[in-house]
N, C-alpha and C. Protein backbone atom coordinates (compact mmCIF):
# COMPACT_ATOMS: atom_id res chain seq x y z
N MET A 1 0.85 -1.03 0.06
CA MET A 1 0.28 0.17 0.08
C MET A 1 1.07 1.03 0.35
N LYS A 2 0.68 2.48 -0.87
CA LYS A 2 1.22 3.24 -1.30
C LYS A 2 0.51 4.85 -0.37
N LEU A 3 1.53 5.27 0.72
CA LEU A 3 0.56 6.34 1.87
C LEU A 3 1.68 7.47 1.47
N ILE A 4 1.13 8.03 1.50
CA ILE A 4 1.18 10.04 1.57
C ILE A 4 1.64 10.46 3.27
N LEU A 5 2.63 10.43 4.14
CA LEU A 5 2.68 10.81 5.47
C LEU A 5 2.06 12.37 5.72
N THR A 6 1.94 12.66 7.00
CA THR A 6 1.02 13.70 7.04
C THR A 6 1.88 14.16 7.62
N GLN A 7 2.76 13.35 9.22
CA GLN A 7 3.30 13.57 10.19
C GLN A 7 4.64 12.82 9.79
N GLU A 8 5.52 13.02 11.06
CA GLU A 8 6.50 11.93 11.63
C GLU A 8 6.79 11.02 11.71
N VAL A 9 6.88 9.83 11.14
CA VAL A 9 6.57 8.82 11.31
C VAL A 9 8.05 7.71 11.64
N ASP A 10 8.90 7.55 13.29
CA ASP A 10 10.12 7.41 13.36
C ASP A 10 9.88 5.66 12.55
N GLY A 11 11.32 5.74 11.63
CA GLY A 11 11.82 4.84 10.93
C GLY A 11 11.36 4.63 9.97
N LEU A 12 10.20 5.34 9.22
CA LEU A 12 9.81 5.65 7.84
C LEU A 12 9.99 6.55 7.11
N GLY A 13 9.54 7.55 7.88
CA GLY A 13 9.54 8.79 7.02
C GLY A 13 9.09 10.58 7.38
N ALA A 14 9.15 11.17 6.43
CA ALA A 14 8.80 12.94 6.92
C ALA A 14 7.49 13.24 6.70
N PRO A 15 6.81 14.34 6.86
CA PRO A 15 5.85 14.68 6.43
C PRO A 15 5.85 15.09 4.90
N GLY A 16 4.96 14.56 3.71
CA GLY A 16 5.00 14.92 2.54
C GLY A 16 6.17 13.66 1.47
N ASP A 17 6.45 12.48 2.50
CA ASP A 17 7.11 11.42 1.88
C ASP A 17 6.38 10.46 1.46
N VAL A 18 6.09 10.05 0.02
CA VAL A 18 5.21 8.54 -0.32
C VAL A 18 6.01 7.73 0.19
N VAL A 19 5.45 6.50 0.88
CA VAL A 19 5.83 5.81 1.55
C VAL A 19 5.22 4.00 1.11
N GLU A 20 5.97 2.90 0.96
CA GLU A 20 5.45 1.62 0.71
C GLU A 20 5.14 1.14 2.26
N VAL A 21 4.01 0.73 2.80
CA VAL A 21 4.09 0.19 4.20
C VAL A 21 2.96 -1.22 3.46
N LYS A 22 2.84 -1.99 4.40
CA LYS A 22 2.26 -3.35 4.47
C LYS A 22 0.76 -2.78 4.72
N ASP A 23 0.11 -3.61 4.33
CA ASP A 23 -1.71 -3.13 4.31
C ASP A 23 -2.36 -2.54 5.56
N GLY A 24 -2.43 -3.92 6.26
CA GLY A 24 -2.37 -3.90 7.47
C GLY A 24 -1.79 -2.49 8.48
N TYR A 25 -0.73 -2.71 8.63
CA TYR A 25 -0.20 -1.09 8.71
C TYR A 25 -1.00 -0.37 8.47
N GLY A 26 -1.10 0.21 7.17
CA GLY A 26 -1.36 1.36 6.90
C GLY A 26 -2.59 1.47 7.35
N ARG A 27 -3.57 0.32 6.52
CA ARG A 27 -5.47 0.64 7.33
C ARG A 27 -5.48 0.49 8.85
N ASN A 28 -5.05 0.11 9.22
CA ASN A 28 -5.02 -0.17 11.02
C ASN A 28 -4.21 0.53 11.48
N TYR A 29 -2.95 1.04 11.26
CA TYR A 29 -2.80 2.25 12.61
C TYR A 29 -2.60 3.60 12.21
N LEU A 30 -1.43 3.72 10.18
CA LEU A 30 -1.58 4.56 10.39
C LEU A 30 -2.40 6.00 9.31
N ILE A 31 -3.78 5.34 8.37
CA ILE A 31 -4.75 6.39 8.28
C ILE A 31 -5.48 6.54 9.65
N PRO A 32 -6.20 5.68 10.18
CA PRO A 32 -6.72 6.48 11.85
C PRO A 32 -6.40 7.19 12.85
N ARG A 33 -4.77 7.28 12.90
CA ARG A 33 -4.44 8.71 13.64
C ARG A 33 -4.09 9.80 12.72
N GLY A 34 -4.08 9.19 11.81
CA GLY A 34 -3.92 10.81 10.77
C GLY A 34 -2.41 10.59 10.72
N LEU A 35 -1.97 9.46 10.58
CA LEU A 35 -0.17 10.28 10.12
C LEU A 35 -0.04 9.88 8.43
N GLY A 36 -1.27 9.39 7.82
CA GLY A 36 -0.57 8.98 6.46
C GLY A 36 -2.36 8.77 5.77
N LEU A 37 -2.29 9.28 4.01
CA LEU A 37 -2.81 9.34 3.43
C LEU A 37 -3.16 8.40 2.76
N ARG A 38 -3.90 7.92 2.24
CA ARG A 38 -3.86 6.95 0.57
C ARG A 38 -3.20 7.38 -0.26
N TRP A 39 -2.61 7.08 -1.14
CA TRP A 39 -1.49 7.70 -2.41
C TRP A 39 -2.54 7.55 -3.50
N THR A 40 -2.41 8.82 -4.32
CA THR A 40 -3.48 8.81 -5.27
C THR A 40 -2.61 10.15 -6.20
N ARG A 41 -2.88 9.97 -7.62
CA ARG A 41 -2.36 10.52 -8.64
C ARG A 41 -2.75 12.14 -8.45
N GLY A 42 -4.16 12.32 -8.03
CA GLY A 42 -4.22 13.72 -7.32
C GLY A 42 -3.32 14.13 -5.76
N GLY A 43 -3.31 12.92 -5.36
CA GLY A 43 -2.79 13.40 -4.21
C GLY A 43 -1.09 14.06 -4.28
N GLU A 44 -0.31 13.43 -5.71
CA GLU A 44 0.83 14.17 -5.60
C GLU A 44 0.72 15.99 -4.95
N LYS A 45 -0.14 17.24 -5.38
CA LYS A 45 -0.42 18.17 -5.03
C LYS A 45 -0.16 18.74 -3.68
N THR A 46 -0.68 17.15 -2.69
CA THR A 46 -0.98 17.49 -1.26
C THR A 46 0.47 16.78 -1.32
N VAL A 47 1.54 15.97 -1.92
CA VAL A 47 2.63 16.00 -1.90
C VAL A 47 3.63 17.68 -1.59
N GLU A 48 3.50 17.77 -2.55
CA GLU A 48 4.21 19.00 -2.97
C GLU A 48 3.85 20.17 -1.95
N SER A 49 2.67 20.34 -1.59
CA SER A 49 2.25 21.41 -0.52
C SER A 49 2.64 21.06 1.02
N ILE A 50 2.40 19.67 1.12
CA ILE A 50 3.48 19.67 2.50
C ILE A 50 4.75 19.67 2.47
N LYS A 51 5.39 19.56 1.65
CA LYS A 51 6.58 19.11 1.93
C LYS A 51 7.09 20.89 1.40
N ALA A 52 6.24 21.98 1.02
CA ALA A 52 6.81 23.42 0.65
C ALA A 52 6.18 24.37 2.51
N ALA A 53 5.02 23.14 2.54
CA ALA A 53 5.04 23.98 4.15
C ALA A 53 5.82 23.49 5.56
N ARG A 54 6.21 22.52 5.06
CA ARG A 54 7.57 21.71 6.33
C ARG A 54 8.76 22.90 6.06
N THR A 55 9.12 22.82 4.47
CA THR A 55 10.32 23.70 4.21
C THR A 55 10.45 25.08 5.01
N ALA A 56 9.77 25.85 4.71
CA ALA A 56 8.83 27.14 5.13
C ALA A 56 9.15 26.85 6.88
N ARG A 57 8.52 26.26 7.59
CA ARG A 57 8.32 26.13 9.13
C ARG A 57 9.41 25.38 9.44
N ALA A 58 10.61 24.94 8.44
CA ALA A 58 12.33 24.43 9.32
C ALA A 58 12.96 25.54 9.41
N ALA A 59 12.90 26.29 8.77
CA ALA A 59 13.38 28.20 8.19
C ALA A 59 13.25 28.74 9.54
N ARG A 60 12.01 28.52 9.56
CA ARG A 60 12.03 29.51 10.86
C ARG A 60 11.32 29.38 12.46
N ASP A 61 11.14 27.88 12.55
CA ASP A 61 11.99 26.73 13.79
C ASP A 61 12.83 26.41 14.01
N SER A 62 14.58 26.42 13.50
CA SER A 62 15.34 26.21 14.20
C SER A 62 15.92 27.03 14.14
N ASP A 63 15.69 28.40 13.98
CA ASP A 63 16.22 29.53 15.33
C ASP A 63 15.00 29.54 16.48
N HIS A 64 14.09 29.00 16.12
CA HIS A 64 13.41 29.03 17.84
C HIS A 64 13.80 27.77 18.65
N ALA A 65 14.47 26.56 17.69
CA ALA A 65 14.52 25.61 18.33
C ALA A 65 15.72 25.76 19.14
N VAL A 66 16.46 26.81 18.33
CA VAL A 66 17.96 26.69 19.83
C VAL A 66 17.59 27.90 20.39
N GLU A 67 17.00 28.48 20.27
CA GLU A 67 16.49 28.81 21.81
C GLU A 67 16.27 28.20 23.32
N ILE A 68 14.77 27.63 22.70
CA ILE A 68 15.09 26.77 23.69
C ILE A 68 15.71 25.74 24.02
N LYS A 69 16.75 25.18 23.46
CA LYS A 69 17.56 24.37 23.58
C LYS A 69 18.89 24.88 24.90
N ASN A 70 19.03 26.38 24.38
CA ASN A 70 19.67 26.89 25.48
C ASN A 70 18.81 27.23 26.99
N LYS A 71 17.68 27.27 27.36
CA LYS A 71 16.77 27.06 27.74
C LYS A 71 16.99 25.82 28.45
N LEU A 72 16.95 25.01 27.87
CA LEU A 72 16.60 23.51 28.06
C LEU A 72 18.16 23.22 29.62
N GLU A 73 19.19 23.83 28.40
CA GLU A 73 20.14 23.38 28.80
C GLU A 73 21.08 23.97 30.15
N GLN A 74 20.07 25.10 30.68
CA GLN A 74 20.76 25.95 32.05
C GLN A 74 20.93 25.06 33.18
N GLY A 75 19.86 24.06 33.71
CA GLY A 75 19.66 23.69 34.67
C GLY A 75 19.16 22.16 34.85
N PRO A 76 19.59 21.56 35.92
CA PRO A 76 18.70 20.24 35.83
C PRO A 76 17.58 20.20 36.18
N VAL A 77 16.49 19.22 35.71
CA VAL A 77 14.86 19.82 36.01
C VAL A 77 14.82 18.36 36.95
N ASN A 78 13.94 19.20 38.34
CA ASN A 78 13.47 17.95 39.23
C ASN A 78 12.31 17.06 38.71
N VAL A 79 12.50 16.07 38.87
CA VAL A 79 11.39 14.72 38.60
C VAL A 79 10.57 14.32 39.64
N LYS A 80 9.64 14.59 40.18
CA LYS A 80 9.56 13.70 41.57
C LYS A 80 8.58 12.54 41.32
N VAL A 81 9.23 11.45 41.87
CA VAL A 81 8.18 10.22 41.65
C VAL A 81 8.21 9.08 42.91
N ARG A 82 7.60 8.23 43.14
CA ARG A 82 7.61 7.53 44.22
C ARG A 82 8.55 6.62 44.65
N ALA A 83 8.69 6.66 45.35
CA ALA A 83 10.37 5.75 45.97
C ALA A 83 10.48 4.54 47.01
N GLY A 84 11.16 3.39 46.61
CA GLY A 84 11.38 2.75 47.69
C GLY A 84 12.36 2.91 48.65
N GLU A 85 12.22 2.65 49.60
CA GLU A 85 13.39 2.57 50.94
C GLU A 85 15.34 3.24 50.20
N ALA A 86 15.49 1.61 49.25
CA ALA A 86 16.72 1.68 48.98
C ALA A 86 17.03 2.99 47.85
N GLY A 87 16.13 3.51 47.02
CA GLY A 87 16.09 4.39 46.33
C GLY A 87 15.97 3.80 44.43
N ARG A 88 15.59 2.69 44.51
CA ARG A 88 14.81 2.43 43.43
C ARG A 88 13.50 2.60 44.09
N LEU A 89 12.80 2.44 42.28
CA LEU A 89 11.84 3.25 41.74
C LEU A 89 10.30 2.21 41.85
N PHE A 90 9.43 3.00 42.18
CA PHE A 90 8.53 2.15 41.93
C PHE A 90 7.83 2.34 39.86
N GLY A 91 8.34 1.71 39.54
CA GLY A 91 8.14 1.27 38.29
C GLY A 91 9.90 1.63 37.33
N ALA A 92 9.51 2.66 36.36
CA ALA A 92 10.26 3.98 35.70
C ALA A 92 10.00 4.83 35.22
N VAL A 93 10.50 5.72 35.50
CA VAL A 93 10.02 6.85 35.30
C VAL A 93 9.37 7.05 33.76
N THR A 94 8.84 7.81 33.45
CA THR A 94 8.35 7.94 31.79
C THR A 94 8.35 8.75 30.86
N THR A 95 8.34 9.07 29.91
CA THR A 95 8.71 10.17 29.31
C THR A 95 7.35 11.75 29.43
N ALA A 96 6.49 11.21 29.60
CA ALA A 96 5.60 11.94 29.93
C ALA A 96 6.11 12.75 31.41
N GLU A 97 6.47 11.74 32.40
CA GLU A 97 6.96 12.85 33.64
C GLU A 97 8.17 13.23 33.46
N ILE A 98 8.90 12.97 32.73
CA ILE A 98 9.88 14.32 32.05
C ILE A 98 9.48 15.18 31.16
N ALA A 99 8.22 15.06 30.61
CA ALA A 99 7.89 16.11 29.72
C ALA A 99 7.36 17.31 31.00
N ASP A 100 6.38 16.54 31.36
CA ASP A 100 5.57 17.77 32.73
C ASP A 100 6.74 18.76 33.43
N ALA A 101 7.47 16.81 33.54
CA ALA A 101 8.52 18.09 34.64
C ALA A 101 9.81 19.74 34.04
N ILE A 102 10.24 18.94 32.84
CA ILE A 102 10.38 20.06 32.08
C ILE A 102 9.62 21.16 31.71
N THR A 103 8.54 21.23 31.57
CA THR A 103 7.51 21.91 31.08
C THR A 103 7.44 22.79 32.72
N GLU A 104 7.15 22.37 33.47
CA GLU A 104 7.13 23.01 34.80
C GLU A 104 8.14 23.88 34.80
N THR A 105 9.49 23.70 34.78
CA THR A 105 10.47 24.33 34.99
C THR A 105 11.40 25.59 34.35
N SER A 106 10.81 24.80 33.15
CA SER A 106 11.30 25.97 31.95
C SER A 106 10.26 26.53 31.46
N GLY A 107 8.68 26.02 31.54
CA GLY A 107 7.62 26.88 30.60
C GLY A 107 7.34 27.38 29.36
N GLU A 108 8.83 26.01 28.91
CA GLU A 108 8.59 25.40 27.92
C GLU A 108 7.97 24.41 27.40
N LYS A 109 6.80 24.21 26.04
CA LYS A 109 5.81 22.82 26.31
C LYS A 109 6.72 21.93 25.39
N VAL A 110 6.87 20.97 26.14
CA VAL A 110 8.17 19.85 25.30
C VAL A 110 6.96 18.19 24.87
N ASP A 111 6.68 17.97 23.59
CA ASP A 111 6.68 16.86 23.75
C ASP A 111 6.88 15.66 23.92
N ARG A 112 6.28 14.80 25.07
CA ARG A 112 6.47 13.35 25.07
C ARG A 112 7.67 12.45 24.46
N ARG A 113 6.87 12.03 23.10
CA ARG A 113 7.28 11.82 21.97
C ARG A 113 8.78 12.49 21.51
N THR A 114 9.31 13.12 21.68
CA THR A 114 10.29 13.65 20.79
C THR A 114 11.80 13.54 22.01
N ILE A 115 11.23 13.17 23.32
CA ILE A 115 12.16 12.88 24.58
C ILE A 115 12.80 11.98 24.47
N VAL A 116 14.08 11.29 24.24
CA VAL A 116 14.57 10.08 23.93
C VAL A 116 15.69 9.85 24.91
N VAL A 117 14.86 8.75 25.62
CA VAL A 117 15.61 8.06 27.43
C VAL A 117 15.78 6.34 26.63
N VAL A 118 17.67 6.81 26.83
CA VAL A 118 18.13 5.50 26.21
C VAL A 118 18.47 4.06 27.03
N ASN A 119 18.50 4.21 28.45
CA ASN A 119 18.09 3.59 29.67
C ASN A 119 17.67 3.96 29.95
N PRO A 120 16.20 2.91 30.79
CA PRO A 120 15.23 3.02 31.28
C PRO A 120 15.41 3.82 32.55
N ILE A 121 15.05 4.85 33.02
CA ILE A 121 15.16 5.29 34.39
C ILE A 121 14.61 4.52 36.12
N LYS A 122 15.00 3.85 36.66
CA LYS A 122 14.80 3.22 37.65
C LYS A 122 15.36 3.52 39.08
N SER A 123 16.10 4.84 38.73
CA SER A 123 16.71 5.10 40.25
C SER A 123 16.59 6.63 40.51
N LEU A 124 16.61 6.96 41.96
CA LEU A 124 16.74 8.40 41.95
C LEU A 124 18.33 8.74 41.53
N GLY A 125 18.46 10.36 41.49
CA GLY A 125 19.98 10.60 41.02
C GLY A 125 19.92 10.94 40.14
N ALA A 126 20.82 11.56 39.69
CA ALA A 126 20.94 12.37 37.67
C ALA A 126 21.46 11.77 36.93
N HIS A 127 20.60 11.95 36.42
CA HIS A 127 20.50 11.07 35.18
C HIS A 127 20.21 12.51 33.01
N GLU A 128 20.67 11.68 32.53
CA GLU A 128 20.45 12.43 31.33
C GLU A 128 19.70 11.79 30.26
N VAL A 129 18.81 12.83 29.78
CA VAL A 129 17.84 12.64 28.75
C VAL A 129 17.88 13.76 27.28
N SER A 130 17.73 13.26 25.96
CA SER A 130 18.04 13.78 24.76
C SER A 130 16.50 14.24 24.29
N VAL A 131 16.28 15.69 24.28
CA VAL A 131 15.00 16.29 23.50
C VAL A 131 15.54 16.92 22.05
N LYS A 132 15.23 15.87 21.27
CA LYS A 132 14.98 16.57 19.59
C LYS A 132 14.28 17.44 19.69
N LEU A 133 14.20 18.35 18.89
CA LEU A 133 13.26 19.78 19.08
C LEU A 133 13.27 20.39 17.93
N HIS A 134 14.43 19.89 16.98
CA HIS A 134 14.10 19.81 15.27
C HIS A 134 15.00 19.30 14.91
N ASP A 135 14.88 18.89 13.59
CA ASP A 135 15.92 17.80 12.77
C ASP A 135 17.43 17.71 13.24
N GLU A 136 17.69 19.13 13.53
CA GLU A 136 18.96 19.11 13.64
C GLU A 136 19.45 19.36 14.76
N VAL A 137 18.40 19.78 15.83
CA VAL A 137 18.68 20.29 16.98
C VAL A 137 17.96 19.20 18.24
N ALA A 138 19.18 18.96 18.88
CA ALA A 138 18.70 18.45 19.98
C ALA A 138 19.38 18.80 21.56
N ALA A 139 18.54 18.54 22.23
CA ALA A 139 19.28 19.09 24.06
C ALA A 139 18.85 18.20 24.85
N LYS A 140 20.19 18.36 25.23
CA LYS A 140 20.99 17.65 26.36
C LYS A 140 20.39 17.97 27.94
N VAL A 141 19.30 17.20 28.41
CA VAL A 141 18.47 17.73 29.66
C VAL A 141 19.16 16.93 30.73
N ALA A 142 19.77 17.50 32.05
CA ALA A 142 19.96 16.95 33.39
C ALA A 142 18.54 16.87 33.95
N LEU A 143 18.45 15.33 34.31
CA LEU A 143 17.49 15.08 35.32
C LEU A 143 18.05 14.73 36.66
N ASN A 144 17.05 15.51 37.70
CA ASN A 144 17.81 14.87 38.96
C ASN A 144 16.03 14.75 39.73
N VAL A 145 16.04 12.71 39.51
CA VAL A 145 15.51 12.03 40.20
C VAL A 145 14.93 11.98 41.63
N VAL A 146 14.13 12.73 42.37
CA VAL A 146 14.17 12.48 43.42
C VAL A 146 12.21 12.23 44.27
N PRO A 147 12.28 12.07 44.75
CA PRO A 147 11.85 11.49 45.73
C PRO A 147 10.16 12.27 46.36
N ALA A 148 9.31 11.79 45.90
CA ALA A 148 8.09 12.34 45.67
C ALA A 148 7.21 12.47 47.61
């Protein structure tokens, strides 16, 4: 099945890309979530308009992304979680909790899907995560996991 992506999908492509996917993946996942449209000959105009909008937005957003990066890298972000006696957490710190803490600390709204956690955070203390703000801009955010 050929699809035109309307949003970025990890491992598949960026908005405006025409991709070939398995029928079930396209029909049951991408199309219902608004991540893609069926490819048609008339859809080629849609591809060009999506790519033009993406290019204009990218130029405008890269400067803004650098400003946000500088804000996020200024100091550590405290994430409050439930923890046991030995400093072990009940579960792991989620990207949603990290996004909420970043928003609370810096005032910048960060989407949880842009946060990259290399190893699951399951202990108190200092950790580091990456936040992908733009195609070429990623911020390294220092986290300080503290008991609630």
